[in-house]
Amino acid sequence: MIFSITWIEWLVIALVTTHITIISVTVYLHRAQAHRALDLHPVLNHFFRLWLWLATGMNTREWVAVHRKHHAHVETKEDPHSPKIYGIWSVVFRGVALYRKATASKDILDRYGAGTPNDWLEHHVYQRKNAGVVTFLLVDMTLFGFGKGSLMWAVQMLWIPVLAAGVINGVGHYIGYRNYQPVDQSRNILPWGILIGGEELHNNHHAYPRSARFSARSFEFDLGYVYIKILSFLRLAKVNYVMPNIANDKLEGVKGVLNARMGIYREFQRRVLTVACREKAKSIALLNGNKLLRLLKRPPQLLKEADKVAIRQALSLDETLNKVYDLQLQLYQIFYHAKGQDMVALIQQWCIDAKASHQATLCEFAEWIEERFLKTVAEGA
């Protein structure tokens, strides 16, 4: 034992080292490697690879491949760790087993692991996963003694399986709030991404997976992006893409509208659907306003049959709310299924239909789209 430390000092060291592991996962594995949201300096890349090999035994190519497949087949039978398929408790407590099952497939690694490190170190050092974690155990015991060192190592080894494989992959698709409506059940667990480095903002990430920043609203905080900004200032990182701010960013042409579509859809639900639902809920006795609003916001393919029946019954009682919901479904189809100039033409027609309703909130929203987006597309053309 080189250092004789108190339990308070042990706790501080354990928190610092596990936090480094979290930052290695969210900044290097997740945002840089899996989604190419940023580029890191080669020195940082090698540091993160080395740290993850020691502190988790994880391999870059394997982690990236499993995560990319999750996005490609989210909440289907092909999703490596979907609570919808395997059950929430299975993902929370058996997340590591599901991860290892996926990494055992050479097809998954070849198909989804492209662009990850493929050098001598990867093949001769980092592929030897047990060597990394055993080395870390020996280092911990050498520095802090057998008891405190081995306990610190145990905490470090459990940190990612519990918080990432369990909490993010499980809870992040089960409980929380939604800013956006991607075609999955992703949730923001908390608005303050501190403990897991911003990964708590899981719904935001699924809406904009290529974004280096996970926070989307003024009250949300992404600690991982704070580190990225610091690294960028030090010229150790270069951000490639950040989700658009539809209120302030200049959105050029069709591509700008495509990038902003989830934000526009969220604005419709906030400005139009929420207002209409709260105004009409008092006259609809079948559902309370908040429950009805949650159902109306949900993507149609995620609704259960009982929810669809409840929605039909509620909407049959109010023509105005029924019109708003119908236009929301049309907007959803446009943003999620139309492409390129077809999308622009369909949005233009949608605005005409919305204004033809003569409902104040619909007319105002249609005018906002025309001024903020369609005018920009025309100028870009």
Protein backbone atom coordinates (compact mmCIF):
# COMPACT_ATOMS: atom_id res chain seq x y z
CA MET A 1 0.00 0.00 0.00
CA ILE A 2 1.48 3.30 -1.12
CA PHE A 3 -1.16 5.68 0.28
CA SER A 4 -2.92 5.46 3.62
CA ILE A 5 -6.25 7.22 3.07
CA THR A 6 -9.30 7.90 5.23
CA TRP A 7 -12.77 6.76 4.18
CA ILE A 8 -13.66 10.33 3.26
CA GLU A 9 -10.64 10.48 0.96
CA TRP A 10 -11.59 7.05 -0.39
CA LEU A 11 -15.07 8.34 -1.24
CA VAL A 12 -13.69 11.41 -3.03
CA ILE A 13 -11.28 9.31 -5.10
CA ALA A 14 -14.00 6.79 -5.94
CA LEU A 15 -16.35 9.57 -7.10
CA VAL A 16 -13.64 11.21 -9.21
CA THR A 17 -12.59 7.97 -10.91
CA THR A 18 -16.14 6.83 -11.61
CA HIS A 19 -16.94 10.27 -12.98
CA ILE A 20 -14.00 9.97 -15.38
CA THR A 21 -15.51 6.67 -16.52
CA ILE A 22 -18.89 8.32 -17.12
CA ILE A 23 -17.28 11.13 -19.14
CA SER A 24 -15.30 8.57 -21.13
CA VAL A 25 -18.53 6.80 -22.05
CA THR A 26 -20.68 9.82 -22.88
CA VAL A 27 -18.07 12.01 -24.61
CA TYR A 28 -15.85 9.40 -26.29
CA LEU A 29 -17.91 6.23 -26.82
CA HIS A 30 -21.34 7.75 -27.25
CA ARG A 31 -21.11 11.19 -28.80
CA ALA A 32 -17.77 10.98 -30.61
CA GLN A 33 -17.49 7.34 -31.71
CA ALA A 34 -21.08 6.10 -32.04
CA HIS A 35 -22.68 9.26 -33.49
CA ARG A 36 -19.74 11.31 -34.77
CA ALA A 37 -21.20 14.40 -33.09
CA LEU A 38 -17.67 15.62 -32.40
CA ASP A 39 -14.05 14.81 -33.18
CA LEU A 40 -11.50 14.42 -30.37
CA HIS A 41 -7.77 15.01 -30.38
CA PRO A 42 -5.85 11.72 -30.87
CA VAL A 43 -4.32 12.04 -27.40
CA LEU A 44 -7.79 12.20 -25.83
CA ASN A 45 -9.00 9.27 -27.92
CA HIS A 46 -6.15 7.13 -26.64
CA PHE A 47 -6.65 8.27 -23.05
CA PHE A 48 -10.36 7.37 -23.11
CA ARG A 49 -9.67 4.00 -24.74
CA LEU A 50 -7.06 3.18 -22.12
CA TRP A 51 -9.25 4.30 -19.22
CA LEU A 52 -12.28 2.33 -20.41
CA TRP A 53 -10.12 -0.77 -20.91
CA LEU A 54 -8.91 -0.47 -17.32
CA ALA A 55 -12.10 0.70 -15.58
CA THR A 56 -14.75 -1.29 -17.50
CA GLY A 57 -13.09 -3.82 -19.81
CA MET A 58 -15.25 -2.40 -22.63
CA ASN A 59 -14.11 -2.40 -26.23
CA THR A 60 -14.87 0.62 -28.44
CA ARG A 61 -16.01 -1.32 -31.49
CA GLU A 62 -18.32 -3.56 -29.49
CA TRP A 63 -19.96 -0.75 -27.52
CA VAL A 64 -20.48 1.37 -30.64
CA ALA A 65 -21.93 -1.52 -32.64
CA VAL A 66 -24.46 -2.44 -29.96
CA HIS A 67 -25.51 1.18 -29.48
CA ARG A 68 -25.91 1.85 -33.21
CA LYS A 69 -28.06 -1.25 -33.56
CA HIS A 70 -30.19 -0.01 -30.66
CA HIS A 71 -30.91 3.19 -32.60
CA ALA A 72 -31.46 1.37 -35.88
CA HIS A 73 -33.99 -1.08 -34.41
CA VAL A 74 -35.18 0.72 -31.29
CA GLU A 75 -37.82 -1.17 -29.31
CA THR A 76 -38.19 -3.97 -31.82
CA LYS A 77 -37.09 -7.60 -31.52
CA GLU A 78 -33.78 -6.54 -33.10
CA ASP A 79 -33.08 -4.00 -30.34
CA PRO A 80 -30.29 -5.46 -28.15
CA HIS A 81 -31.74 -4.08 -24.90
CA SER A 82 -35.34 -2.94 -25.23
CA PRO A 83 -37.53 -2.85 -22.07
CA LYS A 84 -40.52 -3.29 -24.40
CA ILE A 85 -39.15 -6.66 -25.55
CA TYR A 86 -37.23 -7.95 -22.52
CA GLY A 87 -39.10 -6.18 -19.71
CA ILE A 88 -37.91 -3.27 -17.60
CA TRP A 89 -36.46 -5.31 -14.74
CA SER A 90 -34.61 -7.64 -17.09
CA VAL A 91 -32.87 -4.66 -18.73
CA VAL A 92 -32.14 -2.96 -15.40
CA PHE A 93 -30.64 -6.03 -13.73
CA ARG A 94 -29.44 -8.05 -16.73
CA GLY A 95 -28.26 -5.22 -18.96
CA VAL A 96 -24.69 -6.49 -19.03
CA ALA A 97 -25.82 -9.97 -20.08
CA LEU A 98 -27.89 -8.50 -22.93
CA TYR A 99 -24.89 -6.39 -23.98
CA ARG A 100 -22.57 -9.41 -24.00
CA LYS A 101 -25.07 -11.44 -25.99
CA ALA A 102 -25.11 -8.74 -28.67
CA THR A 103 -21.31 -8.40 -28.77
CA ALA A 104 -20.99 -12.14 -29.38
CA SER A 105 -22.50 -11.64 -32.84
CA LYS A 106 -19.84 -11.02 -35.49
CA ASP A 107 -22.54 -9.80 -37.86
CA ILE A 108 -23.52 -7.01 -35.45
CA LEU A 109 -19.89 -5.95 -34.98
CA ASP A 110 -19.16 -5.94 -38.72
CA ARG A 111 -22.36 -4.15 -39.70
CA TYR A 112 -22.55 -1.50 -36.99
CA GLY A 113 -18.96 -1.12 -35.77
CA ALA A 114 -17.51 0.65 -38.82
CA GLY A 115 -15.17 3.58 -38.29
CA THR A 116 -14.02 2.60 -34.80
CA PRO A 117 -10.32 2.16 -33.88
CA ASN A 118 -8.66 -0.68 -35.77
CA ASP A 119 -4.97 -0.31 -34.90
CA TRP A 120 -2.31 -2.47 -33.25
CA LEU A 121 -3.35 -1.45 -29.74
CA GLU A 122 -6.93 -2.46 -30.42
CA HIS A 123 -5.99 -5.95 -31.56
CA HIS A 124 -3.12 -6.70 -29.19
CA VAL A 125 -4.07 -4.79 -26.03
CA TYR A 126 -7.66 -3.59 -25.79
CA GLN A 127 -9.16 -6.87 -27.02
CA ARG A 128 -7.76 -8.50 -23.88
CA LYS A 129 -10.55 -7.18 -21.65
CA ASN A 130 -9.79 -9.21 -18.54
CA ALA A 131 -6.21 -7.95 -18.59
CA GLY A 132 -7.46 -4.38 -18.26
CA VAL A 133 -9.75 -4.87 -15.27
CA VAL A 134 -7.23 -7.12 -13.50
CA THR A 135 -4.57 -4.46 -14.01
CA PHE A 136 -6.90 -1.87 -12.50
CA LEU A 137 -7.53 -4.14 -9.50
CA LEU A 138 -3.80 -4.55 -8.90
CA VAL A 139 -3.26 -0.79 -9.21
CA ASP A 140 -6.07 -0.04 -6.72
CA MET A 141 -4.76 -2.55 -4.18
CA THR A 142 -1.18 -1.34 -4.61
CA LEU A 143 -2.17 2.27 -4.07
CA PHE A 144 -4.77 1.92 -1.30
CA GLY A 145 -4.33 -1.52 0.25
CA PHE A 146 -6.24 -4.77 -0.15
CA GLY A 147 -9.47 -3.76 1.61
CA LYS A 148 -10.02 -0.20 0.38
CA GLY A 149 -8.39 -0.90 -2.97
CA SER A 150 -10.51 -3.94 -3.81
CA LEU A 151 -13.69 -2.15 -2.65
CA MET A 152 -12.87 0.84 -4.83
CA TRP A 153 -12.31 -1.49 -7.78
CA ALA A 154 -15.69 -3.15 -7.17
CA VAL A 155 -17.44 0.22 -7.20
CA GLN A 156 -15.67 1.16 -10.43
CA MET A 157 -16.64 -2.12 -12.09
CA LEU A 158 -20.31 -1.75 -11.12
CA TRP A 159 -20.66 1.91 -12.10
CA ILE A 160 -21.32 1.45 -15.81
CA PRO A 161 -23.34 -1.80 -15.61
CA VAL A 162 -25.72 -0.18 -13.12
CA LEU A 163 -25.97 3.38 -14.45
CA ALA A 164 -25.53 2.81 -18.19
CA ALA A 165 -26.61 -0.75 -18.99
CA GLY A 166 -29.36 -0.61 -16.36
CA VAL A 167 -30.58 2.93 -15.79
CA ILE A 168 -30.14 4.49 -19.24
CA ASN A 169 -31.13 1.49 -21.36
CA GLY A 170 -33.96 0.54 -19.00
CA VAL A 171 -35.33 3.51 -17.06
CA GLY A 172 -34.56 5.86 -19.98
CA HIS A 173 -37.21 4.00 -22.01
CA TYR A 174 -39.71 3.60 -19.20
CA ILE A 175 -40.07 6.54 -16.81
CA GLY A 176 -39.59 10.28 -17.26
CA TYR A 177 -40.78 13.17 -19.41
CA ARG A 178 -40.70 13.67 -23.18
CA ASN A 179 -39.79 16.85 -25.02
CA TYR A 180 -40.00 15.19 -28.42
CA GLN A 181 -41.97 12.37 -30.02
CA PRO A 182 -39.50 10.07 -31.79
CA VAL A 183 -40.78 6.66 -32.82
CA ASP A 184 -39.84 5.07 -29.50
CA GLN A 185 -40.56 5.29 -25.78
CA SER A 186 -37.40 7.22 -24.83
CA ARG A 187 -37.68 9.47 -21.77
CA ASN A 188 -35.65 12.20 -20.12
CA ILE A 189 -35.07 10.71 -16.68
CA LEU A 190 -34.09 14.04 -15.13
CA PRO A 191 -33.64 17.53 -16.57
CA TRP A 192 -30.21 17.80 -14.93
CA GLY A 193 -27.64 15.55 -16.58
CA ILE A 194 -24.98 15.48 -13.87
CA LEU A 195 -24.57 12.01 -12.34
CA ILE A 196 -24.47 10.25 -15.72
CA GLY A 197 -22.89 13.15 -17.60
CA GLY A 198 -25.98 14.23 -19.56
CA GLU A 199 -27.20 10.76 -20.48
CA GLU A 200 -30.21 11.44 -18.26
CA LEU A 201 -31.60 13.50 -21.20
CA HIS A 202 -32.31 10.35 -23.18
CA ASN A 203 -35.42 11.50 -25.06
CA ASN A 204 -33.58 14.56 -26.37
CA HIS A 205 -30.80 12.29 -27.58
CA HIS A 206 -33.17 9.96 -29.43
CA ALA A 207 -34.79 12.95 -31.10
CA TYR A 208 -31.41 14.32 -32.24
CA PRO A 209 -28.90 11.43 -32.01
CA ARG A 210 -26.23 13.31 -33.99
CA SER A 211 -26.23 16.25 -31.57
CA ALA A 212 -23.21 16.81 -29.34
CA ARG A 213 -25.50 18.59 -26.87
CA PHE A 214 -28.28 16.67 -25.15
CA SER A 215 -30.02 19.57 -23.37
CA ALA A 216 -32.84 21.20 -25.35
CA ARG A 217 -34.73 23.48 -22.96
CA SER A 218 -33.64 26.36 -20.74
CA PHE A 219 -34.03 24.40 -17.49
CA GLU A 220 -32.08 21.36 -18.73
CA PHE A 221 -28.38 20.90 -17.99
CA ASP A 222 -25.95 18.62 -19.82
CA LEU A 223 -22.66 18.28 -17.94
CA GLY A 224 -21.15 16.24 -20.75
CA TYR A 225 -21.57 19.15 -23.13
CA VAL A 226 -19.88 21.47 -20.64
CA TYR A 227 -16.80 19.26 -20.85
CA ILE A 228 -17.06 19.24 -24.63
CA LYS A 229 -17.13 23.05 -24.70
CA ILE A 230 -14.06 23.17 -22.45
CA LEU A 231 -12.24 20.69 -24.69
CA SER A 232 -13.28 22.73 -27.75
CA PHE A 233 -11.87 25.89 -26.16
CA LEU A 234 -8.62 24.02 -25.57
CA ARG A 235 -8.69 22.84 -29.21
CA LEU A 236 -8.89 19.23 -28.11
CA ALA A 237 -12.35 18.70 -29.60
CA LYS A 238 -14.35 19.89 -32.59
CA VAL A 239 -18.16 19.81 -32.48
CA ASN A 240 -19.71 18.61 -35.75
CA TYR A 241 -23.41 19.07 -35.04
CA VAL A 242 -25.74 20.47 -32.39
CA MET A 243 -29.54 20.20 -32.42
CA PRO A 244 -31.16 23.36 -33.84
CA ASN A 245 -32.78 26.04 -31.75
CA ILE A 246 -35.90 26.73 -33.78
CA ALA A 247 -36.45 30.08 -32.10
CA ASN A 248 -33.05 31.57 -32.94
CA ASP A 249 -31.07 29.46 -35.41
CA LYS A 250 -31.07 30.28 -39.10
CA LEU A 251 -32.50 27.22 -40.84
CA GLU A 252 -31.54 27.15 -44.49
CA GLY A 253 -33.52 25.32 -47.14
CA VAL A 254 -35.11 21.90 -47.00
CA LYS A 255 -32.28 20.52 -44.88
CA GLY A 256 -32.98 23.13 -42.22
CA VAL A 257 -36.64 22.16 -42.06
CA LEU A 258 -35.70 18.48 -41.83
CA ASN A 259 -33.32 19.17 -38.96
CA ALA A 260 -35.94 21.25 -37.15
CA ARG A 261 -38.94 18.97 -37.68
CA MET A 262 -39.00 17.52 -34.16
CA GLY A 263 -38.79 21.00 -32.66
CA ILE A 264 -41.61 22.24 -34.91
CA TYR A 265 -43.74 19.25 -33.94
CA ARG A 266 -43.05 19.93 -30.26
CA GLU A 267 -44.08 23.56 -30.76
CA PHE A 268 -47.38 22.42 -32.29
CA GLN A 269 -48.10 20.29 -29.25
CA ARG A 270 -47.18 23.13 -26.92
CA ARG A 271 -48.90 26.01 -28.73
CA VAL A 272 -51.92 24.29 -30.23
CA LEU A 273 -52.69 20.83 -28.85
CA THR A 274 -52.05 21.64 -25.17
CA VAL A 275 -54.16 24.82 -25.35
CA ALA A 276 -57.03 23.08 -27.14
CA CYS A 277 -56.98 20.10 -24.80
CA ARG A 278 -57.05 22.20 -21.65
CA GLU A 279 -59.85 24.38 -23.02
CA LYS A 280 -62.00 21.42 -24.03
CA ALA A 281 -61.17 18.88 -21.32
CA LYS A 282 -63.71 20.39 -18.93
CA SER A 283 -66.50 19.48 -21.34
CA ILE A 284 -65.17 15.96 -21.91
CA ALA A 285 -66.03 13.77 -18.94
CA LEU A 286 -64.40 10.58 -20.21
CA LEU A 287 -60.83 11.53 -19.37
CA ASN A 288 -59.20 14.12 -17.17
CA GLY A 289 -57.33 16.80 -19.09
CA ASN A 290 -53.79 15.71 -18.22
CA LYS A 291 -54.36 12.07 -19.12
CA LEU A 292 -56.06 12.99 -22.36
CA LEU A 293 -53.22 15.32 -23.28
CA ARG A 294 -50.61 12.61 -22.65
CA LEU A 295 -52.49 10.23 -24.93
CA LEU A 296 -52.96 12.82 -27.67
CA LYS A 297 -49.26 13.67 -27.64
CA ARG A 298 -48.13 10.07 -27.97
CA PRO A 299 -47.05 8.88 -31.46
CA PRO A 300 -49.92 6.85 -32.99
CA GLN A 301 -47.88 3.65 -33.32
CA LEU A 302 -47.15 3.68 -29.57
CA LEU A 303 -50.81 3.80 -28.55
CA LYS A 304 -52.45 0.72 -27.08
CA GLU A 305 -55.83 -0.33 -28.45
CA ALA A 306 -57.59 0.82 -25.25
CA ASP A 307 -55.91 4.24 -25.64
CA LYS A 308 -57.12 4.52 -29.23
CA VAL A 309 -60.67 3.76 -28.14
CA ALA A 310 -60.48 6.38 -25.37
CA ILE A 311 -59.14 8.98 -27.81
CA ARG A 312 -61.89 8.28 -30.36
CA GLN A 313 -64.56 8.59 -27.69
CA ALA A 314 -63.13 11.85 -26.35
CA LEU A 315 -62.67 13.42 -29.79
CA SER A 316 -66.19 12.48 -30.84
CA LEU A 317 -67.43 14.88 -28.17
CA ASP A 318 -65.61 17.95 -29.49
CA GLU A 319 -65.20 18.93 -33.14
CA THR A 320 -62.51 21.53 -32.49
CA LEU A 321 -60.22 19.16 -30.58
CA ASN A 322 -60.86 16.48 -33.21
CA LYS A 323 -59.67 18.88 -35.93
CA VAL A 324 -56.54 19.78 -33.98
CA TYR A 325 -55.69 16.13 -33.45
CA ASP A 326 -56.32 15.30 -37.11
CA LEU A 327 -53.93 18.06 -38.20
CA GLN A 328 -51.38 16.82 -35.69
CA LEU A 329 -51.52 13.33 -37.26
CA GLN A 330 -51.07 14.89 -40.70
CA LEU A 331 -48.07 16.88 -39.48
CA TYR A 332 -46.59 13.73 -37.95
CA GLN A 333 -46.93 11.87 -41.24
CA ILE A 334 -45.28 14.73 -43.12
CA PHE A 335 -42.32 15.05 -40.78
CA TYR A 336 -41.67 11.33 -40.34
CA HIS A 337 -42.44 9.95 -43.78
CA ALA A 338 -42.16 12.68 -46.45
CA LYS A 339 -38.82 13.66 -47.98
CA GLY A 340 -37.19 16.72 -49.51
CA GLN A 341 -39.29 19.03 -51.64
CA ASP A 342 -42.30 16.75 -51.15
CA MET A 343 -42.17 17.70 -47.48
CA VAL A 344 -42.19 21.40 -48.31
CA ALA A 345 -45.22 21.07 -50.60
CA LEU A 346 -47.07 19.03 -47.99
CA ILE A 347 -46.30 21.58 -45.26
CA GLN A 348 -47.56 24.36 -47.49
CA GLN A 349 -50.83 22.50 -48.02
CA TRP A 350 -51.01 21.72 -44.32
CA CYS A 351 -50.79 25.44 -43.51
CA ILE A 352 -53.63 26.16 -45.95
CA ASP A 353 -55.79 23.51 -44.27
CA ALA A 354 -54.91 24.78 -40.79
CA LYS A 355 -55.88 28.35 -41.64
CA ALA A 356 -59.10 27.13 -43.29
CA SER A 357 -60.21 25.86 -39.88
CA HIS A 358 -60.49 29.49 -38.68
CA GLN A 359 -59.29 28.38 -35.24
CA ALA A 360 -57.05 31.04 -33.71
CA THR A 361 -54.23 28.84 -32.44
CA LEU A 362 -54.09 26.81 -35.67
CA CYS A 363 -54.03 29.95 -37.81
CA GLU A 364 -51.29 31.52 -35.70
CA PHE A 365 -49.18 28.36 -35.83
CA ALA A 366 -49.60 28.04 -39.61
CA GLU A 367 -48.52 31.66 -40.05
CA TRP A 368 -45.50 31.02 -37.80
CA ILE A 369 -44.44 28.06 -39.95
CA GLU A 370 -44.86 30.07 -43.15
CA GLU A 371 -42.85 33.01 -41.84
CA ARG A 372 -40.17 31.09 -39.96
CA PHE A 373 -39.62 28.09 -42.24
CA LEU A 374 -41.34 28.19 -45.61
CA LYS A 375 -40.06 31.69 -46.32
CA THR A 376 -36.54 30.49 -45.47
CA VAL A 377 -36.95 27.51 -47.81
CA ALA A 378 -38.07 29.81 -50.62
CA GLU A 379 -35.11 32.11 -50.04
CA GLY A 380 -32.78 29.11 -49.93
CA ALA A 381 -34.19 27.84 -53.22
